[in-house]
Amino acid sequence: MLEIKNLSKVYADGTRALNKVSFSVADGEFLVVIGLSGSGKSTLLRCINRLIEPTSGDIILDGVNITRASSSELRHIRRDIGMIFQHFNLVKRSSVMRNVLAGRLGYVNPWLSMVGVFPKEERERARQALRTVGILDKADNRADALSGGQQQRVGIARALMQEPKLLLADEPVSALDPATSHSVLKYVEQINKDQGVTVICSLHFLSLARTYATRIIALKDGNMMFDGSPRDIDEVRFKEIYGEDAVEVEIN
């Protein structure tokens, strides 16, 4: 279980990105965080694995307080937390296989990995991860030769290499067209259902959140506006989250 307790983040310029946010996430949930740009979605996800340092509050994963972990403890904790980035975060000139193998850097000999030497079992693990997201045939291609949707699937495969308990997906489809967005999110959903990996995913569109989430949290100006079932967000709640002038856009 993941527990977020009174989490706040204030940036150096005084911007309060998160304001005493509290919630818990049960094992196996597919939680989607929605809200406008600047609502605190990305800050929340990046605080969970401490890519961003929280100002105050606690983040507890399976009884371990992440916010109080030392640098060496944090390296071990991050093995259990996979991350899918908005803009893929791949080494563009490296092969797909090399990018996916990067997900095992916390497990293998660092000197050998620097020169691209990975044990046979790790390469087989990478092939299986690519098979899971349907692009094993692209293993030897350069990452920058792939489409946006394929690059994001490489990012998912890389995260799978960690064998994570928790998968954070930070706006994973914001750079993709609607059809490709569904394709990518279906792979994330498959990992959630088939492997029991807990997912926290930030999304802009409520229609996508309703399709894939088992539960939705909404943020506005760093404050929690909603926590509940996707079906409970009616027109009134939608306007509270997105503003009176907002119009819901369906992504088909």
C-alpha atoms as a PDB file:
ATOM      1  CA  MET A   1       0.000   0.000   0.000  1.00  0.00           C
ATOM      2  CA  LEU A   2       1.041   3.567  -0.737  1.00  0.00           C
ATOM      3  CA  GLU A   3       0.138   6.292   1.739  1.00  0.00           C
ATOM      4  CA  ILE A   4       0.400  10.017   1.050  1.00  0.00           C
ATOM      5  CA  LYS A   5       0.069  12.130   4.195  1.00  0.00           C
ATOM      6  CA  ASN A   6      -0.248  15.945   4.146  1.00  0.00           C
ATOM      7  CA  LEU A   7       2.087  16.217   1.165  1.00  0.00           C
ATOM      8  CA  SER A   8       3.064  19.770   0.223  1.00  0.00           C
ATOM      9  CA  LYS A   9       5.484  21.196  -2.311  1.00  0.00           C
ATOM     10  CA  VAL A  10       6.425  24.861  -2.505  1.00  0.00           C
ATOM     11  CA  TYR A  11       8.930  25.828  -5.204  1.00  0.00           C
ATOM     12  CA  ALA A  12      11.680  28.411  -4.731  1.00  0.00           C
ATOM     13  CA  ASP A  13       9.623  31.101  -6.498  1.00  0.00           C
ATOM     14  CA  GLY A  14       6.820  30.650  -3.961  1.00  0.00           C
ATOM     15  CA  THR A  15       4.540  28.532  -6.175  1.00  0.00           C
ATOM     16  CA  ARG A  16       2.573  26.092  -4.037  1.00  0.00           C
ATOM     17  CA  ALA A  17       2.263  23.059  -6.310  1.00  0.00           C
ATOM     18  CA  LEU A  18       0.776  20.733  -3.675  1.00  0.00           C
ATOM     19  CA  ASN A  19      -1.133  21.728  -0.554  1.00  0.00           C
ATOM     20  CA  LYS A  20      -1.434  19.101   2.187  1.00  0.00           C
ATOM     21  CA  VAL A  21      -2.566  16.329  -0.160  1.00  0.00           C
ATOM     22  CA  SER A  22      -3.518  13.054   1.552  1.00  0.00           C
ATOM     23  CA  PHE A  23      -4.751   9.737   0.144  1.00  0.00           C
ATOM     24  CA  SER A  24      -3.849   6.047   0.068  1.00  0.00           C
ATOM     25  CA  VAL A  25      -3.566   3.605  -2.823  1.00  0.00           C
ATOM     26  CA  ALA A  26      -4.314  -0.083  -2.349  1.00  0.00           C
ATOM     27  CA  ASP A  27      -2.212  -2.754  -4.050  1.00  0.00           C
ATOM     28  CA  GLY A  28      -3.448  -3.438  -7.577  1.00  0.00           C
ATOM     29  CA  GLU A  29      -5.355  -0.187  -8.081  1.00  0.00           C
ATOM     30  CA  PHE A  30      -5.279   1.775 -11.332  1.00  0.00           C
ATOM     31  CA  LEU A  31      -5.465   5.316  -9.980  1.00  0.00           C
ATOM     32  CA  VAL A  32      -5.700   8.213 -12.418  1.00  0.00           C
ATOM     33  CA  VAL A  33      -4.867  11.776 -11.368  1.00  0.00           C
ATOM     34  CA  ILE A  34      -6.646  14.428 -13.447  1.00  0.00           C
ATOM     35  CA  GLY A  35      -6.531  18.209 -13.587  1.00  0.00           C
ATOM     36  CA  LEU A  36      -5.457  21.139 -15.699  1.00  0.00           C
ATOM     37  CA  SER A  37      -1.838  21.869 -16.561  1.00  0.00           C
ATOM     38  CA  GLY A  38      -0.237  23.323 -13.434  1.00  0.00           C
ATOM     39  CA  SER A  39      -2.667  21.574 -11.094  1.00  0.00           C
ATOM     40  CA  GLY A  40       0.131  19.568  -9.430  1.00  0.00           C
ATOM     41  CA  LYS A  41      -0.215  16.206 -11.195  1.00  0.00           C
ATOM     42  CA  SER A  42       3.394  15.843 -12.335  1.00  0.00           C
ATOM     43  CA  THR A  43       4.730  17.262  -9.081  1.00  0.00           C
ATOM     44  CA  LEU A  44       2.742  14.664  -7.148  1.00  0.00           C
ATOM     45  CA  LEU A  45       4.095  11.736  -9.173  1.00  0.00           C
ATOM     46  CA  ARG A  46       7.666  13.018  -9.055  1.00  0.00           C
ATOM     47  CA  CYS A  47       7.474  13.544  -5.298  1.00  0.00           C
ATOM     48  CA  ILE A  48       6.477   9.895  -4.840  1.00  0.00           C
ATOM     49  CA  ASN A  49       9.832   8.668  -6.163  1.00  0.00           C
ATOM     50  CA  ARG A  50      11.623  11.824  -4.998  1.00  0.00           C
ATOM     51  CA  LEU A  51      12.649  13.084  -8.395  1.00  0.00           C
ATOM     52  CA  ILE A  52      11.271  16.226  -6.752  1.00  0.00           C
ATOM     53  CA  GLU A  53      11.846  16.740  -3.037  1.00  0.00           C
ATOM     54  CA  PRO A  54       8.616  17.410  -1.085  1.00  0.00           C
ATOM     55  CA  THR A  55       8.535  20.447   1.169  1.00  0.00           C
ATOM     56  CA  SER A  56       6.625  18.603   3.888  1.00  0.00           C
ATOM     57  CA  GLY A  57       4.510  15.517   4.491  1.00  0.00           C
ATOM     58  CA  ASP A  58       5.134  11.790   4.254  1.00  0.00           C
ATOM     59  CA  ILE A  59       5.131   9.211   1.458  1.00  0.00           C
ATOM     60  CA  ILE A  60       5.026   5.639   2.758  1.00  0.00           C
ATOM     61  CA  LEU A  61       5.302   2.579   0.507  1.00  0.00           C
ATOM     62  CA  ASP A  62       4.725  -0.796   2.171  1.00  0.00           C
ATOM     63  CA  GLY A  63       5.655   0.663   5.552  1.00  0.00           C
ATOM     64  CA  VAL A  64       8.828   2.407   4.335  1.00  0.00           C
ATOM     65  CA  ASN A  65       8.881   6.195   4.596  1.00  0.00           C
ATOM     66  CA  ILE A  66      10.299   7.361   1.254  1.00  0.00           C
ATOM     67  CA  THR A  67      10.541  10.997   2.331  1.00  0.00           C
ATOM     68  CA  ARG A  68      12.944  10.093   5.135  1.00  0.00           C
ATOM     69  CA  ALA A  69      15.097   7.629   3.183  1.00  0.00           C
ATOM     70  CA  SER A  70      18.822   8.246   2.748  1.00  0.00           C
ATOM     71  CA  SER A  71      20.384   8.318  -0.713  1.00  0.00           C
ATOM     72  CA  SER A  72      21.467   4.678  -0.486  1.00  0.00           C
ATOM     73  CA  GLU A  73      18.048   3.590   0.831  1.00  0.00           C
ATOM     74  CA  LEU A  74      16.349   5.562  -1.922  1.00  0.00           C
ATOM     75  CA  ARG A  75      18.274   3.663  -4.627  1.00  0.00           C
ATOM     76  CA  HIS A  76      16.794   0.397  -3.332  1.00  0.00           C
ATOM     77  CA  ILE A  77      13.299   1.868  -2.951  1.00  0.00           C
ATOM     78  CA  ARG A  78      13.336   3.098  -6.552  1.00  0.00           C
ATOM     79  CA  ARG A  79      13.811  -0.459  -7.787  1.00  0.00           C
ATOM     80  CA  ASP A  80      10.182  -1.025  -6.788  1.00  0.00           C
ATOM     81  CA  ILE A  81       8.895   2.135  -8.508  1.00  0.00           C
ATOM     82  CA  GLY A  82       8.809   2.177 -12.308  1.00  0.00           C
ATOM     83  CA  MET A  83       8.378   5.464 -14.175  1.00  0.00           C
ATOM     84  CA  ILE A  84       6.912   6.228 -17.595  1.00  0.00           C
ATOM     85  CA  PHE A  85       7.698   9.754 -18.761  1.00  0.00           C
ATOM     86  CA  GLN A  86       5.662  12.200 -20.817  1.00  0.00           C
ATOM     87  CA  HIS A  87       8.346  12.635 -23.483  1.00  0.00           C
ATOM     88  CA  PHE A  88       9.612   9.024 -23.381  1.00  0.00           C
ATOM     89  CA  ASN A  89      13.057   9.914 -21.902  1.00  0.00           C
ATOM     90  CA  LEU A  90      14.908   7.484 -24.180  1.00  0.00           C
ATOM     91  CA  VAL A  91      18.503   7.580 -25.402  1.00  0.00           C
ATOM     92  CA  LYS A  92      17.524   8.358 -28.980  1.00  0.00           C
ATOM     93  CA  ARG A  93      20.682   7.114 -30.695  1.00  0.00           C
ATOM     94  CA  SER A  94      20.782   3.828 -28.790  1.00  0.00           C
ATOM     95  CA  SER A  95      18.928   0.704 -29.797  1.00  0.00           C
ATOM     96  CA  VAL A  96      15.551  -0.231 -28.388  1.00  0.00           C
ATOM     97  CA  MET A  97      17.160  -3.200 -26.634  1.00  0.00           C
ATOM     98  CA  ARG A  98      19.807  -0.985 -24.983  1.00  0.00           C
ATOM     99  CA  ASN A  99      17.125   1.427 -23.771  1.00  0.00           C
ATOM    100  CA  VAL A 100      15.080  -1.379 -22.262  1.00  0.00           C
ATOM    101  CA  LEU A 101      18.114  -2.934 -20.573  1.00  0.00           C
ATOM    102  CA  ALA A 102      18.668   0.423 -18.859  1.00  0.00           C
ATOM    103  CA  GLY A 103      15.777  -0.555 -16.603  1.00  0.00           C
ATOM    104  CA  ARG A 104      18.069  -3.116 -14.944  1.00  0.00           C
ATOM    105  CA  LEU A 105      20.906  -0.739 -14.096  1.00  0.00           C
ATOM    106  CA  GLY A 106      20.059  -0.948 -10.405  1.00  0.00           C
ATOM    107  CA  TYR A 107      20.512  -4.738 -10.455  1.00  0.00           C
ATOM    108  CA  VAL A 108      23.546  -5.531 -12.626  1.00  0.00           C
ATOM    109  CA  ASN A 109      27.288  -4.868 -12.476  1.00  0.00           C
ATOM    110  CA  PRO A 110      27.574  -1.108 -13.194  1.00  0.00           C
ATOM    111  CA  TRP A 111      30.976  -1.395 -14.909  1.00  0.00           C
ATOM    112  CA  LEU A 112      29.784  -4.025 -17.362  1.00  0.00           C
ATOM    113  CA  SER A 113      26.524  -2.212 -18.048  1.00  0.00           C
ATOM    114  CA  MET A 114      28.459   0.948 -18.964  1.00  0.00           C
ATOM    115  CA  VAL A 115      29.962  -0.867 -21.930  1.00  0.00           C
ATOM    116  CA  GLY A 116      26.724  -2.611 -22.835  1.00  0.00           C
ATOM    117  CA  VAL A 117      27.509  -6.027 -21.372  1.00  0.00           C
ATOM    118  CA  PHE A 118      24.445  -7.616 -19.797  1.00  0.00           C
ATOM    119  CA  PRO A 119      23.976 -11.247 -18.689  1.00  0.00           C
ATOM    120  CA  LYS A 120      22.041 -13.563 -20.987  1.00  0.00           C
ATOM    121  CA  GLU A 121      19.131 -13.751 -18.539  1.00  0.00           C
ATOM    122  CA  GLU A 122      18.788  -9.966 -18.524  1.00  0.00           C
ATOM    123  CA  ARG A 123      18.644  -9.854 -22.322  1.00  0.00           C
ATOM    124  CA  GLU A 124      15.947 -12.517 -22.255  1.00  0.00           C
ATOM    125  CA  ARG A 125      14.067 -10.469 -19.643  1.00  0.00           C
ATOM    126  CA  ALA A 126      14.287  -7.473 -22.007  1.00  0.00           C
ATOM    127  CA  ARG A 127      12.977  -9.519 -24.922  1.00  0.00           C
ATOM    128  CA  GLN A 128      10.036 -10.615 -22.792  1.00  0.00           C
ATOM    129  CA  ALA A 129       9.283  -7.013 -21.816  1.00  0.00           C
ATOM    130  CA  LEU A 130       9.320  -6.001 -25.486  1.00  0.00           C
ATOM    131  CA  ARG A 131       7.109  -8.967 -26.295  1.00  0.00           C
ATOM    132  CA  THR A 132       4.631  -7.798 -23.637  1.00  0.00           C
ATOM    133  CA  VAL A 133       4.264  -4.398 -25.332  1.00  0.00           C
ATOM    134  CA  GLY A 134       4.213  -5.839 -28.845  1.00  0.00           C
ATOM    135  CA  ILE A 135       7.468  -4.505 -30.316  1.00  0.00           C
ATOM    136  CA  LEU A 136       9.980  -7.331 -29.980  1.00  0.00           C
ATOM    137  CA  ASP A 137      10.621  -6.995 -33.722  1.00  0.00           C
ATOM    138  CA  LYS A 138      11.986  -3.476 -33.091  1.00  0.00           C
ATOM    139  CA  ALA A 139      14.660  -4.604 -30.593  1.00  0.00           C
ATOM    140  CA  ASP A 140      17.611  -3.732 -32.858  1.00  0.00           C
ATOM    141  CA  ASN A 141      16.184  -0.465 -34.214  1.00  0.00           C
ATOM    142  CA  ARG A 142      17.422   2.904 -33.028  1.00  0.00           C
ATOM    143  CA  ALA A 143      14.941   4.475 -30.627  1.00  0.00           C
ATOM    144  CA  ASP A 144      14.606   7.629 -32.723  1.00  0.00           C
ATOM    145  CA  ALA A 145      13.517   5.548 -35.729  1.00  0.00           C
ATOM    146  CA  LEU A 146      10.276   4.588 -33.962  1.00  0.00           C
ATOM    147  CA  SER A 147       6.943   6.386 -33.912  1.00  0.00           C
ATOM    148  CA  GLY A 148       5.858   8.234 -30.777  1.00  0.00           C
ATOM    149  CA  GLY A 149       3.575   5.415 -29.696  1.00  0.00           C
ATOM    150  CA  GLN A 150       6.316   2.835 -30.211  1.00  0.00           C
ATOM    151  CA  GLN A 151       8.795   4.955 -28.245  1.00  0.00           C
ATOM    152  CA  GLN A 152       6.373   5.130 -25.344  1.00  0.00           C
ATOM    153  CA  ARG A 153       6.027   1.350 -25.454  1.00  0.00           C
ATOM    154  CA  VAL A 154       9.820   1.156 -25.153  1.00  0.00           C
ATOM    155  CA  GLY A 155       9.450   3.340 -22.063  1.00  0.00           C
ATOM    156  CA  ILE A 156       6.893   0.924 -20.640  1.00  0.00           C
ATOM    157  CA  ALA A 157       9.151  -2.055 -21.363  1.00  0.00           C
ATOM    158  CA  ARG A 158      12.053  -0.295 -19.639  1.00  0.00           C
ATOM    159  CA  ALA A 159       9.892   0.284 -16.555  1.00  0.00           C
ATOM    160  CA  LEU A 160       8.863  -3.396 -16.591  1.00  0.00           C
ATOM    161  CA  MET A 161      12.513  -4.412 -16.369  1.00  0.00           C
ATOM    162  CA  GLN A 162      12.531  -3.143 -12.786  1.00  0.00           C
ATOM    163  CA  GLU A 163       9.788  -5.637 -11.876  1.00  0.00           C
ATOM    164  CA  PRO A 164       8.065  -2.754 -10.070  1.00  0.00           C
ATOM    165  CA  LYS A 165       5.428  -2.949  -7.378  1.00  0.00           C
ATOM    166  CA  LEU A 166       4.290   0.558  -8.329  1.00  0.00           C
ATOM    167  CA  LEU A 167       4.215   2.096 -11.809  1.00  0.00           C
ATOM    168  CA  LEU A 168       4.052   5.896 -12.150  1.00  0.00           C
ATOM    169  CA  ALA A 169       2.942   7.204 -15.553  1.00  0.00           C
ATOM    170  CA  ASP A 170       3.397  10.962 -15.902  1.00  0.00           C
ATOM    171  CA  GLU A 171       1.140  12.202 -18.739  1.00  0.00           C
ATOM    172  CA  PRO A 172       2.184   9.162 -20.816  1.00  0.00           C
ATOM    173  CA  VAL A 173      -0.063   9.950 -23.799  1.00  0.00           C
ATOM    174  CA  SER A 174      -0.080  13.754 -23.947  1.00  0.00           C
ATOM    175  CA  ALA A 175       2.198  13.742 -27.031  1.00  0.00           C
ATOM    176  CA  LEU A 176       0.184  11.051 -28.843  1.00  0.00           C
ATOM    177  CA  ASP A 177      -2.884  11.025 -31.067  1.00  0.00           C
ATOM    178  CA  PRO A 178      -6.166   9.587 -29.678  1.00  0.00           C
ATOM    179  CA  ALA A 179      -5.873   6.124 -31.254  1.00  0.00           C
ATOM    180  CA  THR A 180      -2.273   5.701 -30.139  1.00  0.00           C
ATOM    181  CA  SER A 181      -3.188   6.993 -26.668  1.00  0.00           C
ATOM    182  CA  HIS A 182      -5.627   4.125 -26.235  1.00  0.00           C
ATOM    183  CA  SER A 183      -3.073   1.636 -27.548  1.00  0.00           C
ATOM    184  CA  VAL A 184      -0.469   2.744 -24.989  1.00  0.00           C
ATOM    185  CA  LEU A 185      -2.914   2.868 -22.076  1.00  0.00           C
ATOM    186  CA  LYS A 186      -4.188  -0.609 -22.903  1.00  0.00           C
ATOM    187  CA  TYR A 187      -0.669  -1.958 -22.375  1.00  0.00           C
ATOM    188  CA  VAL A 188      -0.489  -0.177 -19.023  1.00  0.00           C
ATOM    189  CA  GLU A 189      -3.896  -1.607 -18.132  1.00  0.00           C
ATOM    190  CA  GLN A 190      -2.736  -5.091 -19.139  1.00  0.00           C
ATOM    191  CA  ILE A 191       0.286  -4.833 -16.834  1.00  0.00           C
ATOM    192  CA  ASN A 192      -1.987  -3.660 -14.015  1.00  0.00           C
ATOM    193  CA  LYS A 193      -4.455  -6.521 -14.459  1.00  0.00           C
ATOM    194  CA  ASP A 194      -2.173  -9.385 -15.479  1.00  0.00           C
ATOM    195  CA  GLN A 195       0.809  -8.662 -13.223  1.00  0.00           C
ATOM    196  CA  GLY A 196      -0.981  -6.944 -10.351  1.00  0.00           C
ATOM    197  CA  VAL A 197       1.226  -3.850 -10.595  1.00  0.00           C
ATOM    198  CA  THR A 198      -0.267  -0.800  -8.897  1.00  0.00           C
ATOM    199  CA  VAL A 199      -0.561   2.114 -11.342  1.00  0.00           C
ATOM    200  CA  ILE A 200      -0.758   5.858 -10.707  1.00  0.00           C
ATOM    201  CA  CYS A 201      -1.252   7.686 -13.994  1.00  0.00           C
ATOM    202  CA  SER A 202      -1.752  11.397 -14.627  1.00  0.00           C
ATOM    203  CA  LEU A 203      -4.000  12.347 -17.543  1.00  0.00           C
ATOM    204  CA  HIS A 204      -5.605  15.485 -18.955  1.00  0.00           C
ATOM    205  CA  PHE A 205      -8.731  13.954 -20.451  1.00  0.00           C
ATOM    206  CA  LEU A 206     -11.539  12.742 -18.209  1.00  0.00           C
ATOM    207  CA  SER A 207     -12.778  10.438 -20.979  1.00  0.00           C
ATOM    208  CA  LEU A 208      -9.505   8.488 -20.892  1.00  0.00           C
ATOM    209  CA  ALA A 209      -9.559   8.418 -17.101  1.00  0.00           C
ATOM    210  CA  ARG A 210     -13.090   6.996 -17.107  1.00  0.00           C
ATOM    211  CA  THR A 211     -12.021   4.255 -19.532  1.00  0.00           C
ATOM    212  CA  TYR A 212      -9.002   2.968 -17.603  1.00  0.00           C
ATOM    213  CA  ALA A 213      -9.171   4.107 -13.976  1.00  0.00           C
ATOM    214  CA  THR A 214     -10.539   2.064 -11.104  1.00  0.00           C
ATOM    215  CA  ARG A 215     -10.426   5.331  -9.131  1.00  0.00           C
ATOM    216  CA  ILE A 216      -9.833   9.002  -9.874  1.00  0.00           C
ATOM    217  CA  ILE A 217      -8.198  11.800  -7.890  1.00  0.00           C
ATOM    218  CA  ALA A 218      -8.577  15.368  -9.149  1.00  0.00           C
ATOM    219  CA  LEU A 219      -6.216  18.242  -8.363  1.00  0.00           C
ATOM    220  CA  LYS A 220      -6.718  21.966  -8.840  1.00  0.00           C
ATOM    221  CA  ASP A 221      -4.061  24.502  -7.869  1.00  0.00           C
ATOM    222  CA  GLY A 222      -2.383  21.852  -5.720  1.00  0.00           C
ATOM    223  CA  ASN A 223      -5.524  20.991  -3.777  1.00  0.00           C
ATOM    224  CA  MET A 224      -7.493  17.746  -3.911  1.00  0.00           C
ATOM    225  CA  MET A 225     -10.927  18.386  -5.405  1.00  0.00           C
ATOM    226  CA  PHE A 226     -12.182  14.814  -5.803  1.00  0.00           C
ATOM    227  CA  ASP A 227     -11.378  11.260  -4.769  1.00  0.00           C
ATOM    228  CA  GLY A 228     -13.692   8.504  -5.876  1.00  0.00           C
ATOM    229  CA  SER A 229     -15.206   6.435  -8.649  1.00  0.00           C
ATOM    230  CA  PRO A 230     -14.954   7.627 -12.271  1.00  0.00           C
ATOM    231  CA  ARG A 231     -18.723   7.414 -12.634  1.00  0.00           C
ATOM    232  CA  ASP A 232     -19.232   9.916  -9.804  1.00  0.00           C
ATOM    233  CA  ILE A 233     -17.754  12.850 -11.725  1.00  0.00           C
ATOM    234  CA  ASP A 234     -20.856  14.586 -13.053  1.00  0.00           C
ATOM    235  CA  GLU A 235     -21.087  17.918 -14.894  1.00  0.00           C
ATOM    236  CA  VAL A 236     -20.986  19.920 -11.669  1.00  0.00           C
ATOM    237  CA  ARG A 237     -17.867  18.183 -10.389  1.00  0.00           C
ATOM    238  CA  PHE A 238     -16.272  18.448 -13.832  1.00  0.00           C
ATOM    239  CA  LYS A 239     -16.624  22.240 -13.796  1.00  0.00           C
ATOM    240  CA  GLU A 240     -15.307  22.404 -10.220  1.00  0.00           C
ATOM    241  CA  ILE A 241     -12.160  20.608 -11.383  1.00  0.00           C
ATOM    242  CA  TYR A 242     -11.630  22.175 -14.812  1.00  0.00           C
ATOM    243  CA  GLY A 243     -13.422  25.544 -14.471  1.00  0.00           C
ATOM    244  CA  GLU A 244     -16.802  26.934 -15.461  1.00  0.00           C
ATOM    245  CA  ASP A 245     -15.815  27.485 -19.089  1.00  0.00           C
ATOM    246  CA  ALA A 246     -14.404  23.994 -19.601  1.00  0.00           C
ATOM    247  CA  VAL A 247     -15.964  21.632 -22.105  1.00  0.00           C
ATOM    248  CA  GLU A 248     -15.397  17.901 -21.836  1.00  0.00           C
ATOM    249  CA  VAL A 249     -13.715  16.481 -24.916  1.00  0.00           C
ATOM    250  CA  GLU A 250     -14.216  12.835 -25.735  1.00  0.00           C
ATOM    251  CA  ILE A 251     -11.174  10.875 -26.974  1.00  0.00           C
ATOM    252  CA  ASN A 252     -12.442   8.034 -29.153  1.00  0.00           C
END
